[in-house]
Amino acid sequence: MEQAKKPYYIDIENAQVYPVPDEAADWQFKIFATDKEIAKLADYIRQNYDADMKTFELAHVPLAEDKEETQNHKYDATMEGIYRIIYELGDDETRRNIAELGILNR
């Protein structure tokens, strides 16, 4: 039996997922997802945070440019994964907004 999809509201800037639209939060994208799909998105968000922290750490280490570049690629890849999942699960407006950003065309 397939699980029903529920609406979620994504604040990409703060890496937050809300099950209901929070008036105090500035969410940008609406998606419809199962628990499994939300877990996958949360995993990408976690990976992106880790990559972001590694990039930040390496930015303060002299002569670490090769490692920093690798971490930048990891950050970019996880960000693209996040946008891809949001696009796939998004409503029409979400898909249109992500398409206009051109992130997935690279």
N, C-alpha and C. Protein backbone atom coordinates (compact mmCIF):
# COMPACT_ATOMS: atom_id res chain seq x y z
N MET A 1 0.84 -1.18 0.00
CA MET A 1 0.00 0.00 0.00
C MET A 1 0.89 1.25 0.00
N GLU A 2 0.63 2.13 -0.93
CA GLU A 2 1.43 3.34 -1.05
C GLU A 2 0.96 4.38 -0.03
N GLN A 3 1.94 5.02 0.57
CA GLN A 3 1.65 6.02 1.59
C GLN A 3 1.17 7.32 0.94
N ALA A 4 0.22 7.97 1.59
CA ALA A 4 -0.29 9.24 1.06
C ALA A 4 0.74 10.35 1.24
N LYS A 5 0.74 11.25 0.28
CA LYS A 5 1.65 12.38 0.35
C LYS A 5 1.00 13.51 1.14
N LYS A 6 1.83 14.19 1.91
CA LYS A 6 1.37 15.31 2.71
C LYS A 6 2.10 16.57 2.25
N PRO A 7 1.50 17.74 2.45
CA PRO A 7 2.18 18.97 2.07
C PRO A 7 3.27 19.34 3.08
N TYR A 8 4.34 19.90 2.56
CA TYR A 8 5.43 20.43 3.38
C TYR A 8 5.86 21.75 2.76
N TYR A 9 6.40 22.60 3.61
CA TYR A 9 6.82 23.93 3.18
C TYR A 9 8.32 24.06 3.46
N ILE A 10 9.09 24.40 2.43
CA ILE A 10 10.54 24.38 2.50
C ILE A 10 11.11 25.79 2.57
N ASP A 11 11.90 26.02 3.61
CA ASP A 11 12.68 27.25 3.75
C ASP A 11 14.11 26.89 3.38
N ILE A 12 14.47 27.09 2.13
CA ILE A 12 15.76 26.66 1.62
C ILE A 12 16.91 27.45 2.26
N GLU A 13 16.69 28.71 2.54
CA GLU A 13 17.74 29.55 3.09
C GLU A 13 18.17 29.11 4.49
N ASN A 14 17.23 28.62 5.26
CA ASN A 14 17.51 28.18 6.63
C ASN A 14 17.48 26.67 6.79
N ALA A 15 17.36 25.96 5.66
CA ALA A 15 17.33 24.49 5.64
C ALA A 15 16.29 23.93 6.60
N GLN A 16 15.07 24.44 6.50
CA GLN A 16 13.98 24.00 7.36
C GLN A 16 12.84 23.42 6.52
N VAL A 17 12.20 22.41 7.08
CA VAL A 17 11.03 21.80 6.46
C VAL A 17 9.89 21.89 7.47
N TYR A 18 8.79 22.50 7.07
CA TYR A 18 7.65 22.69 7.95
C TYR A 18 6.47 21.85 7.47
N PRO A 19 5.80 21.14 8.37
CA PRO A 19 4.61 20.37 7.98
C PRO A 19 3.38 21.26 7.77
N VAL A 20 3.41 22.44 8.34
CA VAL A 20 2.34 23.44 8.13
C VAL A 20 3.02 24.77 7.85
N PRO A 21 2.38 25.62 7.06
CA PRO A 21 3.03 26.91 6.77
C PRO A 21 3.11 27.75 8.04
N ASP A 22 4.30 28.09 8.43
CA ASP A 22 4.55 28.88 9.62
C ASP A 22 4.56 30.35 9.20
N GLU A 23 3.66 31.14 9.79
CA GLU A 23 3.57 32.55 9.41
C GLU A 23 4.85 33.31 9.72
N ALA A 24 5.59 32.87 10.72
CA ALA A 24 6.83 33.56 11.09
C ALA A 24 7.99 33.14 10.20
N ALA A 25 7.84 32.02 9.51
CA ALA A 25 8.91 31.51 8.66
C ALA A 25 8.74 32.02 7.23
N ASP A 26 9.85 32.19 6.57
CA ASP A 26 9.83 32.66 5.18
C ASP A 26 10.12 31.47 4.26
N TRP A 27 9.13 30.60 4.08
CA TRP A 27 9.33 29.42 3.24
C TRP A 27 9.20 29.83 1.77
N GLN A 28 9.92 29.09 0.91
CA GLN A 28 9.94 29.43 -0.51
C GLN A 28 9.24 28.40 -1.40
N PHE A 29 9.19 27.14 -0.96
CA PHE A 29 8.68 26.09 -1.83
C PHE A 29 7.68 25.19 -1.11
N LYS A 30 6.63 24.79 -1.84
CA LYS A 30 5.65 23.85 -1.31
C LYS A 30 5.82 22.54 -2.06
N ILE A 31 5.89 21.43 -1.30
CA ILE A 31 6.02 20.11 -1.90
C ILE A 31 4.97 19.18 -1.30
N PHE A 32 4.80 18.03 -1.94
CA PHE A 32 3.94 16.97 -1.43
C PHE A 32 4.79 15.72 -1.38
N ALA A 33 4.94 15.13 -0.17
CA ALA A 33 5.88 14.03 -0.01
C ALA A 33 5.39 13.00 1.00
N THR A 34 5.88 11.78 0.82
CA THR A 34 5.67 10.72 1.79
C THR A 34 6.73 10.87 2.88
N ASP A 35 6.60 10.10 3.94
CA ASP A 35 7.60 10.12 5.01
C ASP A 35 8.97 9.71 4.47
N LYS A 36 8.99 8.74 3.58
CA LYS A 36 10.25 8.28 2.99
C LYS A 36 10.90 9.38 2.14
N GLU A 37 10.09 10.09 1.37
CA GLU A 37 10.63 11.16 0.53
C GLU A 37 11.16 12.32 1.38
N ILE A 38 10.46 12.63 2.48
CA ILE A 38 10.93 13.69 3.38
C ILE A 38 12.22 13.26 4.05
N ALA A 39 12.35 11.99 4.39
CA ALA A 39 13.59 11.49 4.99
C ALA A 39 14.75 11.63 4.02
N LYS A 40 14.50 11.37 2.74
CA LYS A 40 15.54 11.52 1.71
C LYS A 40 15.95 12.99 1.59
N LEU A 41 14.99 13.88 1.59
CA LEU A 41 15.29 15.31 1.53
C LEU A 41 16.07 15.74 2.77
N ALA A 42 15.67 15.27 3.93
CA ALA A 42 16.37 15.61 5.17
C ALA A 42 17.81 15.10 5.14
N ASP A 43 18.03 13.94 4.54
CA ASP A 43 19.39 13.41 4.41
C ASP A 43 20.24 14.31 3.52
N TYR A 44 19.70 14.78 2.42
CA TYR A 44 20.43 15.71 1.55
C TYR A 44 20.73 17.01 2.29
N ILE A 45 19.78 17.50 3.06
CA ILE A 45 19.99 18.73 3.82
C ILE A 45 21.12 18.53 4.84
N ARG A 46 21.15 17.38 5.49
CA ARG A 46 22.21 17.06 6.46
C ARG A 46 23.57 16.99 5.75
N GLN A 47 23.61 16.31 4.62
CA GLN A 47 24.86 16.21 3.86
C GLN A 47 25.33 17.58 3.41
N ASN A 48 24.40 18.43 3.01
CA ASN A 48 24.74 19.77 2.56
C ASN A 48 25.31 20.59 3.71
N TYR A 49 24.71 20.46 4.88
CA TYR A 49 25.21 21.18 6.06
C TYR A 49 26.64 20.73 6.38
N ASP A 50 26.87 19.41 6.35
CA ASP A 50 28.21 18.88 6.62
C ASP A 50 29.23 19.41 5.61
N ALA A 51 28.86 19.41 4.34
CA ALA A 51 29.75 19.92 3.30
C ALA A 51 30.02 21.41 3.49
N ASP A 52 28.99 22.14 3.88
CA ASP A 52 29.14 23.57 4.11
C ASP A 52 30.10 23.84 5.27
N MET A 53 29.98 23.06 6.35
CA MET A 53 30.87 23.23 7.49
C MET A 53 32.31 22.88 7.14
N LYS A 54 32.51 21.85 6.34
CA LYS A 54 33.87 21.47 5.91
C LYS A 54 34.47 22.58 5.05
N THR A 55 33.68 23.15 4.17
CA THR A 55 34.15 24.25 3.32
C THR A 55 34.56 25.43 4.19
N PHE A 56 33.75 25.73 5.20
CA PHE A 56 34.06 26.83 6.11
C PHE A 56 35.36 26.57 6.86
N GLU A 57 35.51 25.34 7.38
CA GLU A 57 36.74 24.98 8.10
C GLU A 57 37.97 25.11 7.21
N LEU A 58 37.88 24.59 6.01
CA LEU A 58 39.03 24.60 5.10
C LEU A 58 39.37 25.99 4.59
N ALA A 59 38.41 26.88 4.61
CA ALA A 59 38.67 28.24 4.16
C ALA A 59 39.67 28.95 5.07
N HIS A 60 39.83 28.42 6.28
CA HIS A 60 40.73 29.02 7.26
C HIS A 60 42.06 28.29 7.38
N VAL A 61 42.29 27.33 6.50
CA VAL A 61 43.53 26.56 6.52
C VAL A 61 44.39 26.97 5.33
N PRO A 62 45.58 27.48 5.58
CA PRO A 62 46.43 27.87 4.45
C PRO A 62 46.80 26.66 3.59
N LEU A 63 46.87 26.87 2.30
CA LEU A 63 47.28 25.86 1.33
C LEU A 63 46.37 24.64 1.28
N ALA A 64 45.12 24.81 1.59
CA ALA A 64 44.16 23.70 1.54
C ALA A 64 43.24 23.83 0.34
N GLU A 65 43.69 24.48 -0.68
CA GLU A 65 42.82 24.79 -1.82
C GLU A 65 42.27 23.54 -2.50
N ASP A 66 43.07 22.49 -2.66
CA ASP A 66 42.57 21.27 -3.31
C ASP A 66 41.44 20.65 -2.51
N LYS A 67 41.61 20.55 -1.21
CA LYS A 67 40.56 19.98 -0.36
C LYS A 67 39.34 20.88 -0.34
N GLU A 68 39.58 22.19 -0.32
CA GLU A 68 38.47 23.13 -0.31
C GLU A 68 37.65 23.01 -1.60
N GLU A 69 38.33 22.84 -2.71
CA GLU A 69 37.63 22.70 -3.99
C GLU A 69 36.78 21.43 -4.00
N THR A 70 37.31 20.34 -3.45
CA THR A 70 36.56 19.10 -3.35
C THR A 70 35.31 19.30 -2.50
N GLN A 71 35.46 20.01 -1.37
CA GLN A 71 34.31 20.27 -0.50
C GLN A 71 33.31 21.18 -1.19
N ASN A 72 33.79 22.13 -1.97
CA ASN A 72 32.87 22.99 -2.72
C ASN A 72 32.04 22.17 -3.69
N HIS A 73 32.65 21.19 -4.33
CA HIS A 73 31.91 20.31 -5.25
C HIS A 73 30.87 19.49 -4.50
N LYS A 74 31.23 19.01 -3.30
CA LYS A 74 30.27 18.25 -2.49
C LYS A 74 29.09 19.14 -2.10
N TYR A 75 29.40 20.37 -1.71
CA TYR A 75 28.34 21.31 -1.34
C TYR A 75 27.42 21.56 -2.53
N ASP A 76 28.01 21.85 -3.68
CA ASP A 76 27.22 22.11 -4.89
C ASP A 76 26.36 20.91 -5.27
N ALA A 77 26.94 19.71 -5.17
CA ALA A 77 26.21 18.49 -5.54
C ALA A 77 25.02 18.25 -4.61
N THR A 78 25.21 18.47 -3.31
CA THR A 78 24.10 18.26 -2.38
C THR A 78 23.04 19.33 -2.55
N MET A 79 23.47 20.56 -2.86
CA MET A 79 22.50 21.63 -3.10
C MET A 79 21.65 21.31 -4.33
N GLU A 80 22.31 20.82 -5.37
CA GLU A 80 21.58 20.44 -6.57
C GLU A 80 20.61 19.29 -6.26
N GLY A 81 21.05 18.34 -5.45
CA GLY A 81 20.17 17.24 -5.05
C GLY A 81 18.95 17.73 -4.30
N ILE A 82 19.14 18.70 -3.42
CA ILE A 82 18.02 19.27 -2.67
C ILE A 82 17.02 19.92 -3.64
N TYR A 83 17.53 20.74 -4.55
CA TYR A 83 16.64 21.40 -5.51
C TYR A 83 15.96 20.39 -6.43
N ARG A 84 16.65 19.32 -6.81
CA ARG A 84 16.07 18.30 -7.68
C ARG A 84 14.90 17.60 -6.97
N ILE A 85 15.10 17.25 -5.70
CA ILE A 85 14.02 16.60 -4.94
C ILE A 85 12.84 17.56 -4.78
N ILE A 86 13.12 18.81 -4.44
CA ILE A 86 12.05 19.79 -4.28
C ILE A 86 11.30 19.97 -5.60
N TYR A 87 12.03 20.02 -6.70
CA TYR A 87 11.39 20.15 -8.02
C TYR A 87 10.49 18.95 -8.29
N GLU A 88 10.99 17.75 -8.06
CA GLU A 88 10.22 16.53 -8.34
C GLU A 88 8.96 16.44 -7.50
N LEU A 89 9.03 16.92 -6.26
CA LEU A 89 7.90 16.80 -5.34
C LEU A 89 7.04 18.06 -5.27
N GLY A 90 7.49 19.12 -5.94
CA GLY A 90 6.85 20.42 -5.81
C GLY A 90 5.54 20.56 -6.56
N ASP A 91 4.79 21.56 -6.12
CA ASP A 91 3.58 21.92 -6.84
C ASP A 91 3.98 22.70 -8.10
N ASP A 92 3.01 23.10 -8.89
CA ASP A 92 3.31 23.79 -10.16
C ASP A 92 4.13 25.06 -9.95
N GLU A 93 3.78 25.84 -8.94
CA GLU A 93 4.50 27.09 -8.68
C GLU A 93 5.95 26.81 -8.26
N THR A 94 6.15 25.80 -7.45
CA THR A 94 7.50 25.42 -7.03
C THR A 94 8.34 25.02 -8.23
N ARG A 95 7.78 24.18 -9.08
CA ARG A 95 8.51 23.74 -10.28
C ARG A 95 8.85 24.91 -11.19
N ARG A 96 7.90 25.80 -11.36
CA ARG A 96 8.13 26.97 -12.21
C ARG A 96 9.24 27.85 -11.62
N ASN A 97 9.21 28.08 -10.31
CA ASN A 97 10.23 28.91 -9.67
C ASN A 97 11.62 28.29 -9.77
N ILE A 98 11.73 26.99 -9.56
CA ILE A 98 13.02 26.33 -9.66
C ILE A 98 13.51 26.33 -11.11
N ALA A 99 12.61 26.11 -12.05
CA ALA A 99 12.99 26.16 -13.46
C ALA A 99 13.53 27.55 -13.83
N GLU A 100 12.89 28.59 -13.30
CA GLU A 100 13.35 29.95 -13.58
C GLU A 100 14.73 30.23 -12.99
N LEU A 101 15.05 29.58 -11.86
CA LEU A 101 16.37 29.76 -11.26
C LEU A 101 17.48 29.16 -12.13
N GLY A 102 17.12 28.16 -12.94
CA GLY A 102 18.09 27.53 -13.85
C GLY A 102 19.11 26.64 -13.15
N ILE A 103 18.86 26.29 -11.93
CA ILE A 103 19.80 25.47 -11.16
C ILE A 103 19.96 24.07 -11.72
N LEU A 104 18.89 23.50 -12.20
CA LEU A 104 18.94 22.11 -12.66
C LEU A 104 19.36 21.98 -14.11
N ASN A 105 19.63 23.08 -14.78
CA ASN A 105 20.03 23.05 -16.18
C ASN A 105 21.54 22.99 -16.35
N ARG A 106 22.28 23.01 -15.27
CA ARG A 106 23.74 23.04 -15.35
C ARG A 106 24.31 21.71 -15.69
